Amino acid sequence: MNSPRALALALIFALPACIVPSVLDEKQRSIEVAAEELAWLPARSEDLRGLFESVSIEGEAAAALWKIYYHFAPDGTFTAAALIVGGAQPQFQTLSGTWNISEQGLDLGTGEPVRALFAADRLRFELAGGVAILRRVAAH
């Protein structure tokens, strides 16, 4: 993945399946709402603002992609990082650019929008090769 387009495709259009396990206090686990129980609506520009991290990735690239981070700025720019596995060592690959959302979906400058849904501070990206769910996290 040497080009920004290839990285954008890896981050969005070839999403894998993996859930990073974690140990939470029982009270924290009971508050969490399952993704399938959320009322997903088409994402709007204001829904995308801020920092997001993947909590669930499903699809073809599960063996290669462990984690995704996105920061969407109000001025229409974004930066992203993906933890890629496949070589001798896992490595982060990054991408920055501009984003635009319309009825066709979220476009990260590739001209190929992906379906983007939003519910309860969660983003859901859907495409033929898989689904990724990201949650908003506090930026320090």
N, C-alpha and C. Protein backbone atom coordinates (compact mmCIF):
# COMPACT_ATOMS: atom_id res chain seq x y z
N MET A 1 0.84 -1.18 0.00
CA MET A 1 0.00 0.00 0.00
C MET A 1 0.88 1.23 0.00
N ASN A 2 1.27 1.65 -1.14
CA ASN A 2 2.15 2.79 -1.24
C ASN A 2 1.43 4.07 -1.58
N SER A 3 0.20 3.99 -2.08
CA SER A 3 -0.51 5.19 -2.47
C SER A 3 -1.60 5.52 -1.46
N PRO A 4 -1.96 6.82 -1.34
CA PRO A 4 -3.06 7.18 -0.44
C PRO A 4 -4.36 6.47 -0.82
N ARG A 5 -4.60 6.28 -2.10
CA ARG A 5 -5.82 5.59 -2.53
C ARG A 5 -5.83 4.15 -2.02
N ALA A 6 -4.69 3.47 -2.12
CA ALA A 6 -4.62 2.09 -1.66
C ALA A 6 -4.85 2.01 -0.16
N LEU A 7 -4.28 2.95 0.58
CA LEU A 7 -4.48 2.95 2.02
C LEU A 7 -5.93 3.25 2.37
N ALA A 8 -6.54 4.19 1.67
CA ALA A 8 -7.95 4.49 1.91
C ALA A 8 -8.79 3.25 1.67
N LEU A 9 -8.47 2.51 0.64
CA LEU A 9 -9.21 1.29 0.36
C LEU A 9 -9.00 0.27 1.47
N ALA A 10 -7.80 0.18 2.00
CA ALA A 10 -7.55 -0.76 3.08
C ALA A 10 -8.27 -0.34 4.35
N LEU A 11 -8.34 0.95 4.60
CA LEU A 11 -8.98 1.44 5.81
C LEU A 11 -10.50 1.34 5.76
N ILE A 12 -11.07 1.55 4.59
CA ILE A 12 -12.52 1.60 4.49
C ILE A 12 -13.09 0.48 3.65
N PHE A 13 -12.56 0.24 2.48
CA PHE A 13 -13.21 -0.62 1.51
C PHE A 13 -12.84 -2.08 1.62
N ALA A 14 -11.90 -2.45 2.45
CA ALA A 14 -11.53 -3.85 2.63
C ALA A 14 -11.50 -4.16 4.11
N LEU A 15 -12.58 -3.88 4.80
CA LEU A 15 -12.62 -4.00 6.25
C LEU A 15 -12.71 -5.45 6.69
N PRO A 16 -11.96 -5.83 7.73
CA PRO A 16 -11.93 -7.20 8.19
C PRO A 16 -12.82 -7.47 9.38
N ALA A 17 -12.74 -8.68 9.89
CA ALA A 17 -13.53 -9.08 11.05
C ALA A 17 -12.62 -9.37 12.22
N CYS A 18 -12.75 -8.57 13.25
CA CYS A 18 -12.03 -8.86 14.49
C CYS A 18 -12.55 -7.96 15.57
N ILE A 19 -12.69 -8.52 16.75
CA ILE A 19 -13.07 -7.72 17.91
C ILE A 19 -11.93 -7.82 18.89
N VAL A 20 -11.41 -6.70 19.30
CA VAL A 20 -10.30 -6.69 20.24
C VAL A 20 -10.86 -7.00 21.62
N PRO A 21 -10.40 -8.10 22.24
CA PRO A 21 -10.93 -8.45 23.55
C PRO A 21 -10.43 -7.48 24.62
N SER A 22 -11.27 -7.28 25.61
CA SER A 22 -10.88 -6.44 26.73
C SER A 22 -11.61 -6.92 27.98
N VAL A 23 -11.07 -6.58 29.11
CA VAL A 23 -11.68 -6.95 30.37
C VAL A 23 -12.23 -5.68 30.99
N LEU A 24 -13.54 -5.66 31.18
CA LEU A 24 -14.21 -4.51 31.77
C LEU A 24 -14.90 -4.92 33.05
N ASP A 25 -15.06 -3.96 33.94
CA ASP A 25 -15.86 -4.17 35.13
C ASP A 25 -17.27 -4.55 34.69
N GLU A 26 -17.94 -5.41 35.45
CA GLU A 26 -19.27 -5.89 35.08
C GLU A 26 -20.26 -4.74 34.86
N LYS A 27 -20.17 -3.68 35.66
CA LYS A 27 -21.07 -2.54 35.50
C LYS A 27 -20.85 -1.87 34.15
N GLN A 28 -19.62 -1.76 33.71
CA GLN A 28 -19.34 -1.16 32.40
C GLN A 28 -19.88 -2.03 31.28
N ARG A 29 -19.78 -3.36 31.42
CA ARG A 29 -20.28 -4.26 30.39
C ARG A 29 -21.78 -4.15 30.24
N SER A 30 -22.51 -3.99 31.32
CA SER A 30 -23.96 -3.95 31.25
C SER A 30 -24.48 -2.67 30.62
N ILE A 31 -23.69 -1.60 30.61
CA ILE A 31 -24.11 -0.34 30.03
C ILE A 31 -23.98 -0.37 28.50
N GLU A 32 -23.03 -1.12 27.99
CA GLU A 32 -22.74 -1.17 26.57
C GLU A 32 -23.93 -1.73 25.80
N VAL A 33 -24.34 -1.04 24.75
CA VAL A 33 -25.45 -1.47 23.91
C VAL A 33 -24.87 -2.21 22.71
N ALA A 34 -25.41 -3.38 22.42
CA ALA A 34 -24.94 -4.15 21.27
C ALA A 34 -25.23 -3.39 19.98
N ALA A 35 -24.30 -3.46 19.03
CA ALA A 35 -24.41 -2.72 17.78
C ALA A 35 -25.70 -3.05 17.04
N GLU A 36 -26.12 -4.30 17.08
CA GLU A 36 -27.34 -4.68 16.36
C GLU A 36 -28.59 -4.10 17.00
N GLU A 37 -28.51 -3.62 18.25
CA GLU A 37 -29.65 -3.03 18.93
C GLU A 37 -29.77 -1.52 18.68
N LEU A 38 -28.77 -0.92 18.09
CA LEU A 38 -28.78 0.52 17.85
C LEU A 38 -29.68 0.87 16.67
N ALA A 39 -30.23 2.07 16.71
CA ALA A 39 -31.06 2.58 15.62
C ALA A 39 -30.15 3.37 14.67
N TRP A 40 -29.57 2.69 13.69
CA TRP A 40 -28.63 3.31 12.77
C TRP A 40 -29.35 4.20 11.78
N LEU A 41 -28.85 5.42 11.60
CA LEU A 41 -29.37 6.38 10.64
C LEU A 41 -28.23 6.85 9.74
N PRO A 42 -28.53 7.32 8.54
CA PRO A 42 -27.45 7.84 7.69
C PRO A 42 -26.65 8.92 8.43
N ALA A 43 -25.33 8.79 8.39
CA ALA A 43 -24.46 9.74 9.08
C ALA A 43 -24.57 11.12 8.43
N ARG A 44 -24.50 12.15 9.27
CA ARG A 44 -24.48 13.53 8.81
C ARG A 44 -23.12 14.12 9.10
N SER A 45 -22.83 15.22 8.51
CA SER A 45 -21.54 15.88 8.68
C SER A 45 -21.20 16.07 10.15
N GLU A 46 -22.14 16.54 10.96
CA GLU A 46 -21.87 16.80 12.37
C GLU A 46 -21.63 15.51 13.17
N ASP A 47 -22.11 14.37 12.68
CA ASP A 47 -21.88 13.10 13.36
C ASP A 47 -20.42 12.65 13.25
N LEU A 48 -19.74 13.07 12.21
CA LEU A 48 -18.39 12.59 11.93
C LEU A 48 -17.30 13.35 12.66
N ARG A 49 -17.62 14.43 13.29
CA ARG A 49 -16.58 15.25 13.91
C ARG A 49 -16.01 14.60 15.15
N GLY A 50 -14.68 14.52 15.19
CA GLY A 50 -14.01 13.98 16.37
C GLY A 50 -13.18 12.75 16.06
N LEU A 51 -12.75 12.10 17.15
CA LEU A 51 -11.87 10.95 17.07
C LEU A 51 -12.69 9.67 17.24
N PHE A 52 -12.44 8.69 16.38
CA PHE A 52 -13.13 7.41 16.42
C PHE A 52 -12.12 6.28 16.37
N GLU A 53 -12.44 5.17 17.06
CA GLU A 53 -11.62 3.96 17.00
C GLU A 53 -12.52 2.77 16.71
N SER A 54 -11.98 1.80 16.00
CA SER A 54 -12.78 0.63 15.67
C SER A 54 -12.99 -0.24 16.90
N VAL A 55 -14.21 -0.78 17.00
CA VAL A 55 -14.54 -1.74 18.05
C VAL A 55 -14.95 -3.08 17.45
N SER A 56 -15.30 -3.07 16.19
CA SER A 56 -15.69 -4.30 15.50
C SER A 56 -15.38 -4.13 14.02
N ILE A 57 -14.72 -5.12 13.47
CA ILE A 57 -14.42 -5.11 12.04
C ILE A 57 -14.74 -6.50 11.51
N GLU A 58 -15.57 -6.57 10.48
CA GLU A 58 -15.97 -7.86 9.92
C GLU A 58 -15.76 -7.84 8.42
N GLY A 59 -15.35 -8.94 7.86
CA GLY A 59 -15.20 -9.03 6.42
C GLY A 59 -13.93 -9.73 6.00
N GLU A 60 -13.55 -9.51 4.77
CA GLU A 60 -12.48 -10.26 4.12
C GLU A 60 -11.08 -10.01 4.66
N ALA A 61 -10.77 -8.82 5.11
CA ALA A 61 -9.40 -8.49 5.48
C ALA A 61 -9.09 -8.71 6.96
N ALA A 62 -9.85 -9.58 7.61
CA ALA A 62 -9.69 -9.79 9.06
C ALA A 62 -8.28 -10.19 9.46
N ALA A 63 -7.63 -10.94 8.62
CA ALA A 63 -6.30 -11.41 8.97
C ALA A 63 -5.24 -10.32 8.85
N ALA A 64 -5.58 -9.22 8.19
CA ALA A 64 -4.57 -8.20 7.92
C ALA A 64 -4.78 -6.89 8.67
N LEU A 65 -5.96 -6.61 9.12
CA LEU A 65 -6.26 -5.31 9.71
C LEU A 65 -6.78 -5.50 11.12
N TRP A 66 -6.00 -4.99 12.12
CA TRP A 66 -6.39 -5.17 13.52
C TRP A 66 -7.18 -4.00 14.08
N LYS A 67 -6.86 -2.80 13.71
CA LYS A 67 -7.48 -1.64 14.35
C LYS A 67 -7.48 -0.46 13.39
N ILE A 68 -8.49 0.41 13.50
CA ILE A 68 -8.59 1.61 12.67
C ILE A 68 -8.89 2.80 13.58
N TYR A 69 -8.24 3.91 13.32
CA TYR A 69 -8.51 5.17 14.01
C TYR A 69 -8.78 6.24 12.95
N TYR A 70 -9.76 7.09 13.21
CA TYR A 70 -10.05 8.23 12.35
C TYR A 70 -10.25 9.47 13.20
N HIS A 71 -9.76 10.59 12.71
CA HIS A 71 -10.11 11.89 13.27
C HIS A 71 -10.67 12.72 12.14
N PHE A 72 -11.95 13.10 12.27
CA PHE A 72 -12.63 13.95 11.29
C PHE A 72 -12.73 15.36 11.85
N ALA A 73 -12.18 16.33 11.14
CA ALA A 73 -12.21 17.73 11.57
C ALA A 73 -13.40 18.44 10.93
N PRO A 74 -13.92 19.48 11.60
CA PRO A 74 -15.06 20.24 11.05
C PRO A 74 -14.75 20.92 9.72
N ASP A 75 -13.47 21.15 9.42
CA ASP A 75 -13.13 21.83 8.17
C ASP A 75 -13.09 20.89 6.97
N GLY A 76 -13.49 19.61 7.16
CA GLY A 76 -13.54 18.67 6.05
C GLY A 76 -12.25 17.90 5.83
N THR A 77 -11.33 17.97 6.78
CA THR A 77 -10.11 17.18 6.67
C THR A 77 -10.19 16.00 7.62
N PHE A 78 -9.38 14.98 7.36
CA PHE A 78 -9.32 13.84 8.26
C PHE A 78 -7.89 13.31 8.28
N THR A 79 -7.62 12.54 9.32
CA THR A 79 -6.39 11.76 9.39
C THR A 79 -6.80 10.40 9.94
N ALA A 80 -6.12 9.36 9.48
CA ALA A 80 -6.47 8.01 9.87
C ALA A 80 -5.22 7.16 10.02
N ALA A 81 -5.35 6.11 10.83
CA ALA A 81 -4.28 5.15 11.00
C ALA A 81 -4.90 3.76 11.09
N ALA A 82 -4.23 2.80 10.50
CA ALA A 82 -4.68 1.42 10.56
C ALA A 82 -3.51 0.55 11.00
N LEU A 83 -3.77 -0.36 11.93
CA LEU A 83 -2.76 -1.30 12.35
C LEU A 83 -2.86 -2.51 11.44
N ILE A 84 -1.85 -2.68 10.59
CA ILE A 84 -1.83 -3.70 9.56
C ILE A 84 -0.91 -4.84 10.00
N VAL A 85 -1.36 -6.07 9.79
CA VAL A 85 -0.57 -7.25 10.07
C VAL A 85 -0.35 -7.95 8.75
N GLY A 86 0.81 -8.51 8.56
CA GLY A 86 1.05 -9.22 7.31
C GLY A 86 2.52 -9.37 7.01
N GLY A 87 3.33 -8.52 7.56
CA GLY A 87 4.78 -8.64 7.39
C GLY A 87 5.38 -9.28 8.62
N ALA A 88 6.66 -9.03 8.82
CA ALA A 88 7.35 -9.57 9.98
C ALA A 88 6.82 -8.95 11.28
N GLN A 89 6.43 -7.68 11.23
CA GLN A 89 5.93 -6.95 12.40
C GLN A 89 4.65 -6.21 12.03
N PRO A 90 3.67 -6.12 12.95
CA PRO A 90 2.52 -5.25 12.69
C PRO A 90 3.03 -3.81 12.53
N GLN A 91 2.35 -3.05 11.69
CA GLN A 91 2.75 -1.65 11.52
C GLN A 91 1.53 -0.78 11.27
N PHE A 92 1.63 0.47 11.73
CA PHE A 92 0.60 1.45 11.46
C PHE A 92 0.87 2.08 10.11
N GLN A 93 -0.19 2.23 9.33
CA GLN A 93 -0.13 2.99 8.09
C GLN A 93 -1.11 4.14 8.25
N THR A 94 -0.74 5.30 7.75
CA THR A 94 -1.55 6.50 7.96
C THR A 94 -2.01 7.08 6.64
N LEU A 95 -3.03 7.89 6.74
CA LEU A 95 -3.61 8.57 5.59
C LEU A 95 -4.24 9.86 6.08
N SER A 96 -4.07 10.92 5.34
CA SER A 96 -4.73 12.20 5.62
C SER A 96 -5.31 12.73 4.33
N GLY A 97 -6.35 13.50 4.44
CA GLY A 97 -6.97 14.07 3.25
C GLY A 97 -8.23 14.82 3.60
N THR A 98 -9.12 14.89 2.65
CA THR A 98 -10.40 15.57 2.86
C THR A 98 -11.53 14.56 2.79
N TRP A 99 -12.60 14.87 3.49
CA TRP A 99 -13.77 14.02 3.48
C TRP A 99 -15.00 14.83 3.10
N ASN A 100 -15.98 14.12 2.57
CA ASN A 100 -17.25 14.73 2.18
C ASN A 100 -18.32 13.67 2.37
N ILE A 101 -19.45 14.09 2.91
CA ILE A 101 -20.55 13.14 3.07
C ILE A 101 -21.76 13.66 2.32
N SER A 102 -22.44 12.75 1.62
CA SER A 102 -23.62 13.09 0.84
C SER A 102 -24.59 11.92 0.92
N GLU A 103 -25.67 12.00 0.16
CA GLU A 103 -26.63 10.89 0.12
C GLU A 103 -25.99 9.60 -0.36
N GLN A 104 -24.92 9.71 -1.15
CA GLN A 104 -24.23 8.52 -1.66
C GLN A 104 -23.34 7.87 -0.60
N GLY A 105 -22.95 8.61 0.43
CA GLY A 105 -22.13 8.06 1.49
C GLY A 105 -20.93 8.94 1.81
N LEU A 106 -19.96 8.36 2.51
CA LEU A 106 -18.76 9.06 2.93
C LEU A 106 -17.68 8.86 1.87
N ASP A 107 -17.14 9.96 1.37
CA ASP A 107 -16.07 9.92 0.37
C ASP A 107 -14.81 10.49 1.02
N LEU A 108 -13.74 9.69 1.01
CA LEU A 108 -12.46 10.11 1.57
C LEU A 108 -11.51 10.55 0.46
N GLY A 109 -12.07 11.17 -0.56
CA GLY A 109 -11.25 11.67 -1.65
C GLY A 109 -10.98 10.66 -2.74
N THR A 110 -11.57 9.49 -2.65
CA THR A 110 -11.37 8.46 -3.66
C THR A 110 -12.40 8.53 -4.77
N GLY A 111 -13.50 9.25 -4.53
CA GLY A 111 -14.60 9.28 -5.49
C GLY A 111 -15.48 8.05 -5.38
N GLU A 112 -15.23 7.19 -4.40
CA GLU A 112 -16.00 5.96 -4.19
C GLU A 112 -16.59 5.98 -2.78
N PRO A 113 -17.77 6.59 -2.61
CA PRO A 113 -18.36 6.70 -1.27
C PRO A 113 -18.72 5.33 -0.67
N VAL A 114 -18.61 5.25 0.63
CA VAL A 114 -19.01 4.07 1.38
C VAL A 114 -20.22 4.45 2.23
N ARG A 115 -21.13 3.51 2.44
CA ARG A 115 -22.31 3.77 3.26
C ARG A 115 -21.86 4.01 4.70
N ALA A 116 -22.26 5.14 5.26
CA ALA A 116 -21.89 5.51 6.62
C ALA A 116 -23.16 5.75 7.43
N LEU A 117 -23.27 5.05 8.56
CA LEU A 117 -24.42 5.18 9.45
C LEU A 117 -23.92 5.62 10.81
N PHE A 118 -24.83 6.21 11.60
CA PHE A 118 -24.46 6.74 12.91
C PHE A 118 -25.54 6.40 13.92
N ALA A 119 -25.12 6.07 15.14
CA ALA A 119 -26.03 5.84 16.27
C ALA A 119 -25.23 5.89 17.56
N ALA A 120 -25.69 6.67 18.52
CA ALA A 120 -25.12 6.68 19.87
C ALA A 120 -23.59 6.77 19.88
N ASP A 121 -23.05 7.80 19.21
CA ASP A 121 -21.61 8.01 19.14
C ASP A 121 -20.85 6.86 18.49
N ARG A 122 -21.53 6.14 17.63
CA ARG A 122 -20.91 5.07 16.87
C ARG A 122 -21.07 5.33 15.37
N LEU A 123 -20.04 5.02 14.61
CA LEU A 123 -20.09 5.06 13.15
C LEU A 123 -20.08 3.64 12.64
N ARG A 124 -20.85 3.39 11.62
CA ARG A 124 -20.89 2.07 10.98
C ARG A 124 -20.63 2.27 9.50
N PHE A 125 -19.56 1.68 9.00
CA PHE A 125 -19.24 1.72 7.59
C PHE A 125 -19.62 0.38 6.98
N GLU A 126 -20.48 0.40 5.95
CA GLU A 126 -20.93 -0.83 5.30
C GLU A 126 -20.50 -0.82 3.85
N LEU A 127 -20.04 -1.98 3.39
CA LEU A 127 -19.64 -2.14 2.00
C LEU A 127 -19.73 -3.61 1.64
N ALA A 128 -19.52 -3.92 0.39
CA ALA A 128 -19.65 -5.31 -0.06
C ALA A 128 -18.71 -6.24 0.68
N GLY A 129 -17.50 -5.78 1.02
CA GLY A 129 -16.51 -6.63 1.66
C GLY A 129 -16.58 -6.69 3.16
N GLY A 130 -17.48 -5.95 3.81
CA GLY A 130 -17.54 -6.03 5.26
C GLY A 130 -18.18 -4.83 5.92
N VAL A 131 -18.11 -4.84 7.24
CA VAL A 131 -18.69 -3.80 8.09
C VAL A 131 -17.68 -3.45 9.17
N ALA A 132 -17.52 -2.17 9.43
CA ALA A 132 -16.69 -1.71 10.54
C ALA A 132 -17.52 -0.81 11.43
N ILE A 133 -17.41 -1.00 12.72
CA ILE A 133 -18.08 -0.15 13.68
C ILE A 133 -17.00 0.53 14.50
N LEU A 134 -17.10 1.85 14.56
CA LEU A 134 -16.14 2.67 15.31
C LEU A 134 -16.91 3.44 16.38
N ARG A 135 -16.27 3.70 17.50
CA ARG A 135 -16.91 4.51 18.55
C ARG A 135 -16.13 5.80 18.72
N ARG A 136 -16.86 6.85 19.08
CA ARG A 136 -16.23 8.14 19.37
C ARG A 136 -15.47 8.01 20.68
N VAL A 137 -14.26 8.54 20.70
CA VAL A 137 -13.45 8.55 21.93
C VAL A 137 -13.03 9.97 22.22
N ALA A 138 -12.78 10.23 23.48
CA ALA A 138 -12.35 11.56 23.88
C ALA A 138 -10.91 11.80 23.41
N ALA A 139 -10.69 12.92 22.78
CA ALA A 139 -9.35 13.31 22.37
C ALA A 139 -8.74 14.08 23.53
N HIS A 140 -7.53 13.78 23.90
CA HIS A 140 -6.87 14.44 25.03
C HIS A 140 -6.14 15.65 24.58
